[in-house]
Amino acid sequence: MLYMLLFHYGEATEESIGAEAVAEGMRAMAAYAATLEQAEILVSGQVLQPSSNSTTLTLVDGEPRIQDGPFADTKEQLGGVIVIDVPDLDAALEWARQAPPLSWGTVEIRPGAVHIESGTWVPSS
């Protein structure tokens, strides 16, 4: 079953901990991703740019509205995502416990629901 690990943290954290700590965090994430790959459960992963570089599209009165930048009503402090393929939630939790971002933020574990390519529903258990 596919699970997405979403890494949330306050973007101000990067400013407060300093460049060397950020670099160490990136090295730790690279090592973590390599461990997931060696275990043959890594499906994909991506570090995200800061929310200040994002654009949000919403419908307002039936018309698309584009909103740039980090606005509290529409932005999460989402730093990156990894998709893993493991048998169950217990296995996903075990891998998430090892994720470096847990030491400076939170790790959300979200199961997949629909396989995009086939349209097949994945049972939630």
C-alpha atoms as a PDB file:
ATOM      1  CA  MET A   1       0.000   0.000   0.000  1.00  0.00           C
ATOM      2  CA  LEU A   2       1.243   3.478  -0.793  1.00  0.00           C
ATOM      3  CA  TYR A   3       1.738   5.993   2.013  1.00  0.00           C
ATOM      4  CA  MET A   4       2.855   9.583   1.660  1.00  0.00           C
ATOM      5  CA  LEU A   5       5.069  11.007   4.367  1.00  0.00           C
ATOM      6  CA  LEU A   6       4.537  14.777   4.494  1.00  0.00           C
ATOM      7  CA  PHE A   7       7.152  16.809   6.336  1.00  0.00           C
ATOM      8  CA  HIS A   8       5.748  19.923   8.007  1.00  0.00           C
ATOM      9  CA  TYR A   9       7.769  22.576   9.788  1.00  0.00           C
ATOM     10  CA  GLY A  10       7.828  26.306  10.329  1.00  0.00           C
ATOM     11  CA  GLU A  11       9.871  27.920   7.598  1.00  0.00           C
ATOM     12  CA  ALA A  12      11.247  30.331  10.188  1.00  0.00           C
ATOM     13  CA  THR A  13      12.988  27.267  11.637  1.00  0.00           C
ATOM     14  CA  GLU A  14      15.523  27.384   8.797  1.00  0.00           C
ATOM     15  CA  GLU A  15      16.381  30.985   9.614  1.00  0.00           C
ATOM     16  CA  SER A  16      16.638  30.345  13.346  1.00  0.00           C
ATOM     17  CA  ILE A  17      18.845  27.236  13.220  1.00  0.00           C
ATOM     18  CA  GLY A  18      21.425  28.538  10.742  1.00  0.00           C
ATOM     19  CA  ALA A  19      22.878  27.438   7.438  1.00  0.00           C
ATOM     20  CA  GLU A  20      25.049  24.619   8.803  1.00  0.00           C
ATOM     21  CA  ALA A  21      22.123  22.993  10.615  1.00  0.00           C
ATOM     22  CA  VAL A  22      20.003  23.265   7.452  1.00  0.00           C
ATOM     23  CA  ALA A  23      22.816  21.645   5.442  1.00  0.00           C
ATOM     24  CA  GLU A  24      23.070  18.868   8.054  1.00  0.00           C
ATOM     25  CA  GLY A  25      19.314  18.335   7.806  1.00  0.00           C
ATOM     26  CA  MET A  26      19.561  18.006   4.027  1.00  0.00           C
ATOM     27  CA  ARG A  27      22.376  15.454   4.387  1.00  0.00           C
ATOM     28  CA  ALA A  28      20.252  13.525   6.906  1.00  0.00           C
ATOM     29  CA  MET A  29      17.301  13.511   4.486  1.00  0.00           C
ATOM     30  CA  ALA A  30      19.522  12.281   1.644  1.00  0.00           C
ATOM     31  CA  ALA A  31      20.733   9.422   3.865  1.00  0.00           C
ATOM     32  CA  TYR A  32      17.144   8.643   4.902  1.00  0.00           C
ATOM     33  CA  ALA A  33      16.020   8.532   1.259  1.00  0.00           C
ATOM     34  CA  ALA A  34      18.956   6.250   0.435  1.00  0.00           C
ATOM     35  CA  THR A  35      17.889   3.914   3.262  1.00  0.00           C
ATOM     36  CA  LEU A  36      14.318   3.822   1.896  1.00  0.00           C
ATOM     37  CA  GLU A  37      15.694   3.103  -1.568  1.00  0.00           C
ATOM     38  CA  GLN A  38      17.897   0.276  -0.275  1.00  0.00           C
ATOM     39  CA  ALA A  39      14.838  -1.220   1.448  1.00  0.00           C
ATOM     40  CA  GLU A  40      13.108  -1.047  -1.958  1.00  0.00           C
ATOM     41  CA  ILE A  41      10.109   0.897  -0.611  1.00  0.00           C
ATOM     42  CA  LEU A  42      10.883   4.376  -1.965  1.00  0.00           C
ATOM     43  CA  VAL A  43       8.427   5.329  -4.710  1.00  0.00           C
ATOM     44  CA  SER A  44       9.296   9.020  -5.002  1.00  0.00           C
ATOM     45  CA  GLY A  45      10.348  12.031  -2.989  1.00  0.00           C
ATOM     46  CA  GLN A  46      10.665  15.773  -3.340  1.00  0.00           C
ATOM     47  CA  VAL A  47      11.998  18.653  -1.268  1.00  0.00           C
ATOM     48  CA  LEU A  48       9.746  21.634  -1.853  1.00  0.00           C
ATOM     49  CA  GLN A  49      10.659  25.272  -2.321  1.00  0.00           C
ATOM     50  CA  PRO A  50       9.464  27.701   0.379  1.00  0.00           C
ATOM     51  CA  SER A  51       5.775  28.577   0.425  1.00  0.00           C
ATOM     52  CA  SER A  52       6.747  32.105  -0.650  1.00  0.00           C
ATOM     53  CA  ASN A  53       7.391  30.577  -4.100  1.00  0.00           C
ATOM     54  CA  SER A  54       4.020  28.863  -4.334  1.00  0.00           C
ATOM     55  CA  THR A  55       0.849  29.814  -6.144  1.00  0.00           C
ATOM     56  CA  THR A  56      -2.625  28.757  -5.030  1.00  0.00           C
ATOM     57  CA  LEU A  57      -5.570  28.431  -7.375  1.00  0.00           C
ATOM     58  CA  THR A  58      -9.077  28.587  -5.882  1.00  0.00           C
ATOM     59  CA  LEU A  59     -12.575  29.197  -7.221  1.00  0.00           C
ATOM     60  CA  VAL A  60     -14.280  32.386  -6.032  1.00  0.00           C
ATOM     61  CA  ASP A  61     -17.851  32.806  -7.245  1.00  0.00           C
ATOM     62  CA  GLY A  62     -17.155  30.199  -9.921  1.00  0.00           C
ATOM     63  CA  GLU A  63     -14.087  32.038 -11.250  1.00  0.00           C
ATOM     64  CA  PRO A  64     -10.502  30.880 -10.775  1.00  0.00           C
ATOM     65  CA  ARG A  65      -8.474  33.111  -8.459  1.00  0.00           C
ATOM     66  CA  ILE A  66      -4.681  32.949  -8.283  1.00  0.00           C
ATOM     67  CA  GLN A  67      -3.035  33.800  -4.996  1.00  0.00           C
ATOM     68  CA  ASP A  68       0.758  34.075  -4.708  1.00  0.00           C
ATOM     69  CA  GLY A  69       2.880  33.762  -1.601  1.00  0.00           C
ATOM     70  CA  PRO A  70       2.445  32.346   1.889  1.00  0.00           C
ATOM     71  CA  PHE A  71      -1.000  33.215   3.212  1.00  0.00           C
ATOM     72  CA  ALA A  72      -2.215  31.584   6.405  1.00  0.00           C
ATOM     73  CA  ASP A  73      -5.655  30.826   4.995  1.00  0.00           C
ATOM     74  CA  THR A  74      -4.281  28.662   2.176  1.00  0.00           C
ATOM     75  CA  LYS A  75      -0.702  27.615   2.927  1.00  0.00           C
ATOM     76  CA  GLU A  76       0.819  24.857   4.964  1.00  0.00           C
ATOM     77  CA  GLN A  77       4.458  24.861   5.877  1.00  0.00           C
ATOM     78  CA  LEU A  78       5.077  21.730   3.854  1.00  0.00           C
ATOM     79  CA  GLY A  79       8.780  21.151   3.299  1.00  0.00           C
ATOM     80  CA  GLY A  80       8.767  17.922   1.340  1.00  0.00           C
ATOM     81  CA  VAL A  81       7.122  14.603   0.644  1.00  0.00           C
ATOM     82  CA  ILE A  82       8.177  10.994   0.227  1.00  0.00           C
ATOM     83  CA  VAL A  83       5.971   8.202  -1.088  1.00  0.00           C
ATOM     84  CA  ILE A  84       6.703   4.708   0.193  1.00  0.00           C
ATOM     85  CA  ASP A  85       5.191   1.338  -0.671  1.00  0.00           C
ATOM     86  CA  VAL A  86       4.811  -0.736   2.486  1.00  0.00           C
ATOM     87  CA  PRO A  87       2.351  -3.435   3.617  1.00  0.00           C
ATOM     88  CA  ASP A  88       0.446  -1.436   6.231  1.00  0.00           C
ATOM     89  CA  LEU A  89       0.242   1.589   8.530  1.00  0.00           C
ATOM     90  CA  ASP A  90       2.444  -0.050  11.156  1.00  0.00           C
ATOM     91  CA  ALA A  91       5.264  -0.348   8.623  1.00  0.00           C
ATOM     92  CA  ALA A  92       4.703   3.243   7.448  1.00  0.00           C
ATOM     93  CA  LEU A  93       4.869   4.449  11.063  1.00  0.00           C
ATOM     94  CA  GLU A  94       8.095   2.553  11.644  1.00  0.00           C
ATOM     95  CA  TRP A  95       9.716   4.245   8.656  1.00  0.00           C
ATOM     96  CA  ALA A  96       8.252   7.647   9.558  1.00  0.00           C
ATOM     97  CA  ARG A  97       9.772   7.395  13.065  1.00  0.00           C
ATOM     98  CA  GLN A  98      13.194   7.370  11.384  1.00  0.00           C
ATOM     99  CA  ALA A  99      12.551  10.507   9.277  1.00  0.00           C
ATOM    100  CA  PRO A 100      14.951  13.329  10.180  1.00  0.00           C
ATOM    101  CA  PRO A 101      12.229  16.051   9.971  1.00  0.00           C
ATOM    102  CA  LEU A 102      10.610  14.510  13.046  1.00  0.00           C
ATOM    103  CA  SER A 103      13.346  16.211  15.093  1.00  0.00           C
ATOM    104  CA  TRP A 104      12.360  19.712  13.905  1.00  0.00           C
ATOM    105  CA  GLY A 105       8.738  19.405  12.799  1.00  0.00           C
ATOM    106  CA  THR A 106       6.058  16.825  12.184  1.00  0.00           C
ATOM    107  CA  VAL A 107       5.657  13.890   9.849  1.00  0.00           C
ATOM    108  CA  GLU A 108       2.144  13.246   8.569  1.00  0.00           C
ATOM    109  CA  ILE A 109       1.474   9.746   7.279  1.00  0.00           C
ATOM    110  CA  ARG A 110      -1.320   9.679   4.728  1.00  0.00           C
ATOM    111  CA  PRO A 111      -2.449   6.518   2.928  1.00  0.00           C
ATOM    112  CA  GLY A 112      -3.157   6.585  -0.771  1.00  0.00           C
ATOM    113  CA  ALA A 113      -6.787   6.240  -1.824  1.00  0.00           C
ATOM    114  CA  VAL A 114      -6.890   5.926  -5.609  1.00  0.00           C
ATOM    115  CA  HIS A 115      -4.242   4.670  -7.970  1.00  0.00           C
ATOM    116  CA  ILE A 116      -4.040   7.528 -10.476  1.00  0.00           C
ATOM    117  CA  GLU A 117      -3.044   5.487 -13.534  1.00  0.00           C
ATOM    118  CA  SER A 118      -5.622   2.712 -13.173  1.00  0.00           C
ATOM    119  CA  GLY A 119      -8.321   4.568 -11.248  1.00  0.00           C
ATOM    120  CA  THR A 120      -8.557   1.592  -8.890  1.00  0.00           C
ATOM    121  CA  TRP A 121      -9.653   2.343  -5.336  1.00  0.00           C
ATOM    122  CA  VAL A 122      -7.173   1.247  -2.712  1.00  0.00           C
ATOM    123  CA  PRO A 123      -8.976  -0.061   0.370  1.00  0.00           C
ATOM    124  CA  SER A 124      -8.473   1.973   3.526  1.00  0.00           C
ATOM    125  CA  SER A 125      -7.797  -0.297   6.441  1.00  0.00           C
END
